[in-house]
Amino acid sequence: MLSRFDLKEYRLLRHLTLRDVARYCDITFEAIGQVERGEINVTQYNHDEIVKGINRASQAMVDGTFDALKEEECQKAKEEREKQMAKKETSSKTATAKKNTRKTTAKVNVDETK
């Protein structure tokens, strides 16, 4: 079993990012980074998944399918960000409208007492 340093070196020698490896295995890029930094122990499962991810990503680079997959994922991520921004914008407008309604109601109540 490779050490955490060897896993990182193995990944870097193939010019792969943590996200590249995570795309090809069942571990998140955050967990892979934690293993490489020694924040969590290298278990047999983590080790096998990381090695599998590195090997699969390297093979995809050789096969020429790596960049196509990366572009597809970037497009999906962009669409998801746009959806989230639209959702935030909508909720922000709703909150502003509610705030303005409360101010108007408060002014009407003050005017009625005069």
C-alpha atoms as a PDB file:
ATOM      1  CA  MET A   1       0.000   0.000   0.000  1.00  0.00           C
ATOM      2  CA  LEU A   2       1.314   3.447  -0.954  1.00  0.00           C
ATOM      3  CA  SER A   3       1.812   6.112   1.700  1.00  0.00           C
ATOM      4  CA  ARG A   4      -0.060   9.402   1.536  1.00  0.00           C
ATOM      5  CA  PHE A   5       3.069  11.057   0.120  1.00  0.00           C
ATOM      6  CA  ASP A   6       3.387   8.390  -2.562  1.00  0.00           C
ATOM      7  CA  LEU A   7      -0.280   8.748  -3.505  1.00  0.00           C
ATOM      8  CA  LYS A   8       0.164  12.481  -3.990  1.00  0.00           C
ATOM      9  CA  GLU A   9       3.351  11.992  -5.994  1.00  0.00           C
ATOM     10  CA  TYR A  10       1.637   9.293  -8.098  1.00  0.00           C
ATOM     11  CA  ARG A  11      -1.178  11.752  -8.861  1.00  0.00           C
ATOM     12  CA  LEU A  12       1.080  14.724  -9.572  1.00  0.00           C
ATOM     13  CA  LEU A  13       3.373  12.742 -11.880  1.00  0.00           C
ATOM     14  CA  ARG A  14       0.329  12.187 -14.084  1.00  0.00           C
ATOM     15  CA  HIS A  15      -0.575  15.907 -13.964  1.00  0.00           C
ATOM     16  CA  LEU A  16      -3.937  15.255 -12.326  1.00  0.00           C
ATOM     17  CA  THR A  17      -5.816  17.497  -9.904  1.00  0.00           C
ATOM     18  CA  LEU A  18      -7.731  16.236  -6.902  1.00  0.00           C
ATOM     19  CA  ARG A  19     -10.958  16.864  -8.815  1.00  0.00           C
ATOM     20  CA  ASP A  20      -9.666  14.897 -11.804  1.00  0.00           C
ATOM     21  CA  VAL A  21      -9.059  11.868  -9.607  1.00  0.00           C
ATOM     22  CA  ALA A  22     -12.346  12.254  -7.729  1.00  0.00           C
ATOM     23  CA  ARG A  23     -14.216  12.229 -11.034  1.00  0.00           C
ATOM     24  CA  TYR A  24     -13.065   8.637 -11.584  1.00  0.00           C
ATOM     25  CA  CYS A  25     -13.520   7.157  -8.110  1.00  0.00           C
ATOM     26  CA  ASP A  26     -15.995   7.038  -5.222  1.00  0.00           C
ATOM     27  CA  ILE A  27     -14.198   9.526  -2.981  1.00  0.00           C
ATOM     28  CA  THR A  28     -14.672  13.296  -2.987  1.00  0.00           C
ATOM     29  CA  PHE A  29     -11.786  15.564  -3.888  1.00  0.00           C
ATOM     30  CA  GLU A  30     -11.911  16.981  -0.359  1.00  0.00           C
ATOM     31  CA  ALA A  31     -11.372  13.521   1.146  1.00  0.00           C
ATOM     32  CA  ILE A  32      -8.517  12.796  -1.265  1.00  0.00           C
ATOM     33  CA  GLY A  33      -6.866  16.055  -0.194  1.00  0.00           C
ATOM     34  CA  GLN A  34      -7.336  15.172   3.466  1.00  0.00           C
ATOM     35  CA  VAL A  35      -5.678  11.804   2.899  1.00  0.00           C
ATOM     36  CA  GLU A  36      -2.748  13.428   1.083  1.00  0.00           C
ATOM     37  CA  ARG A  37      -2.305  16.019   3.849  1.00  0.00           C
ATOM     38  CA  GLY A  38      -2.520  13.366   6.558  1.00  0.00           C
ATOM     39  CA  GLU A  39      -5.691  14.805   8.075  1.00  0.00           C
ATOM     40  CA  ILE A  40      -7.369  11.404   7.770  1.00  0.00           C
ATOM     41  CA  ASN A  41      -5.709   8.012   7.728  1.00  0.00           C
ATOM     42  CA  VAL A  42      -5.200   6.063   4.542  1.00  0.00           C
ATOM     43  CA  THR A  43      -7.508   3.088   4.785  1.00  0.00           C
ATOM     44  CA  GLN A  44      -7.396   0.192   2.370  1.00  0.00           C
ATOM     45  CA  TYR A  45     -10.643   1.408   0.802  1.00  0.00           C
ATOM     46  CA  ASN A  46      -9.384   5.020   0.400  1.00  0.00           C
ATOM     47  CA  HIS A  47      -6.104   3.790  -1.015  1.00  0.00           C
ATOM     48  CA  ASP A  48      -7.757   1.489  -3.548  1.00  0.00           C
ATOM     49  CA  GLU A  49     -10.267   4.132  -4.648  1.00  0.00           C
ATOM     50  CA  ILE A  50      -7.621   6.842  -5.072  1.00  0.00           C
ATOM     51  CA  VAL A  51      -5.353   4.532  -7.062  1.00  0.00           C
ATOM     52  CA  LYS A  52      -8.348   3.447  -9.156  1.00  0.00           C
ATOM     53  CA  GLY A  53      -9.237   7.108  -9.801  1.00  0.00           C
ATOM     54  CA  ILE A  54      -5.688   8.007 -10.793  1.00  0.00           C
ATOM     55  CA  ASN A  55      -5.420   5.034 -13.129  1.00  0.00           C
ATOM     56  CA  ARG A  56      -8.814   5.661 -14.735  1.00  0.00           C
ATOM     57  CA  ALA A  57      -8.120   9.374 -15.216  1.00  0.00           C
ATOM     58  CA  SER A  58      -4.713   8.588 -16.723  1.00  0.00           C
ATOM     59  CA  GLN A  59      -6.293   6.065 -19.078  1.00  0.00           C
ATOM     60  CA  ALA A  60      -8.957   8.590 -20.099  1.00  0.00           C
ATOM     61  CA  MET A  61      -6.169  11.026 -20.972  1.00  0.00           C
ATOM     62  CA  VAL A  62      -4.515   8.375 -23.137  1.00  0.00           C
ATOM     63  CA  ASP A  63      -7.836   7.438 -24.774  1.00  0.00           C
ATOM     64  CA  GLY A  64      -8.629  11.078 -25.491  1.00  0.00           C
ATOM     65  CA  THR A  65     -11.891  11.007 -23.548  1.00  0.00           C
ATOM     66  CA  PHE A  66     -10.612  13.002 -20.578  1.00  0.00           C
ATOM     67  CA  ASP A  67     -11.050  16.507 -22.013  1.00  0.00           C
ATOM     68  CA  ALA A  68     -14.480  15.734 -23.446  1.00  0.00           C
ATOM     69  CA  LEU A  69     -15.683  14.570 -20.049  1.00  0.00           C
ATOM     70  CA  LYS A  70     -14.113  17.603 -18.383  1.00  0.00           C
ATOM     71  CA  GLU A  71     -15.879  19.997 -20.777  1.00  0.00           C
ATOM     72  CA  GLU A  72     -19.206  18.249 -20.195  1.00  0.00           C
ATOM     73  CA  GLU A  73     -18.798  18.528 -16.423  1.00  0.00           C
ATOM     74  CA  CYS A  74     -17.793  22.187 -16.693  1.00  0.00           C
ATOM     75  CA  GLN A  75     -20.942  22.895 -18.708  1.00  0.00           C
ATOM     76  CA  LYS A  76     -23.100  21.111 -16.131  1.00  0.00           C
ATOM     77  CA  ALA A  77     -21.412  23.020 -13.293  1.00  0.00           C
ATOM     78  CA  LYS A  78     -21.963  26.317 -15.131  1.00  0.00           C
ATOM     79  CA  GLU A  79     -25.659  25.546 -15.631  1.00  0.00           C
ATOM     80  CA  GLU A  80     -26.009  24.609 -11.954  1.00  0.00           C
ATOM     81  CA  ARG A  81     -24.341  27.881 -10.863  1.00  0.00           C
ATOM     82  CA  GLU A  82     -26.679  29.847 -13.127  1.00  0.00           C
ATOM     83  CA  LYS A  83     -29.696  28.095 -11.592  1.00  0.00           C
ATOM     84  CA  GLN A  84     -28.450  28.865  -8.085  1.00  0.00           C
ATOM     85  CA  MET A  85     -27.831  32.519  -8.973  1.00  0.00           C
ATOM     86  CA  ALA A  86     -31.343  32.829 -10.444  1.00  0.00           C
ATOM     87  CA  LYS A  87     -32.787  31.217  -7.331  1.00  0.00           C
ATOM     88  CA  LYS A  88     -30.855  33.616  -5.064  1.00  0.00           C
ATOM     89  CA  GLU A  89     -31.945  36.562  -7.169  1.00  0.00           C
ATOM     90  CA  THR A  90     -35.578  35.511  -6.935  1.00  0.00           C
ATOM     91  CA  SER A  91     -35.422  35.031  -3.169  1.00  0.00           C
ATOM     92  CA  SER A  92     -33.645  38.387  -2.805  1.00  0.00           C
ATOM     93  CA  LYS A  93     -36.383  40.145  -4.777  1.00  0.00           C
ATOM     94  CA  THR A  94     -39.028  38.413  -2.669  1.00  0.00           C
ATOM     95  CA  ALA A  95     -37.315  39.486   0.555  1.00  0.00           C
ATOM     96  CA  THR A  96     -37.039  43.084  -0.699  1.00  0.00           C
ATOM     97  CA  ALA A  97     -40.712  43.110  -1.689  1.00  0.00           C
ATOM     98  CA  LYS A  98     -41.722  41.828   1.767  1.00  0.00           C
ATOM     99  CA  LYS A  99     -39.545  44.454   3.423  1.00  0.00           C
ATOM    100  CA  ASN A 100     -41.090  47.230   1.344  1.00  0.00           C
ATOM    101  CA  THR A 101     -44.592  45.942   2.120  1.00  0.00           C
ATOM    102  CA  ARG A 102     -43.856  46.101   5.851  1.00  0.00           C
ATOM    103  CA  LYS A 103     -42.587  49.693   5.549  1.00  0.00           C
ATOM    104  CA  THR A 104     -45.686  50.739   3.613  1.00  0.00           C
ATOM    105  CA  THR A 105     -47.966  49.078   6.151  1.00  0.00           C
ATOM    106  CA  ALA A 106     -46.156  50.798   9.014  1.00  0.00           C
ATOM    107  CA  LYS A 107     -46.529  54.223   7.342  1.00  0.00           C
ATOM    108  CA  VAL A 108     -50.237  53.655   6.755  1.00  0.00           C
ATOM    109  CA  ASN A 109     -50.748  52.749  10.411  1.00  0.00           C
ATOM    110  CA  VAL A 110     -48.922  55.918  11.551  1.00  0.00           C
ATOM    111  CA  ASP A 111     -50.998  58.075   9.183  1.00  0.00           C
ATOM    112  CA  GLU A 112     -54.247  56.532  10.398  1.00  0.00           C
ATOM    113  CA  THR A 113     -53.510  57.525  14.023  1.00  0.00           C
ATOM    114  CA  LYS A 114     -53.158  61.186  13.118  1.00  0.00           C
END
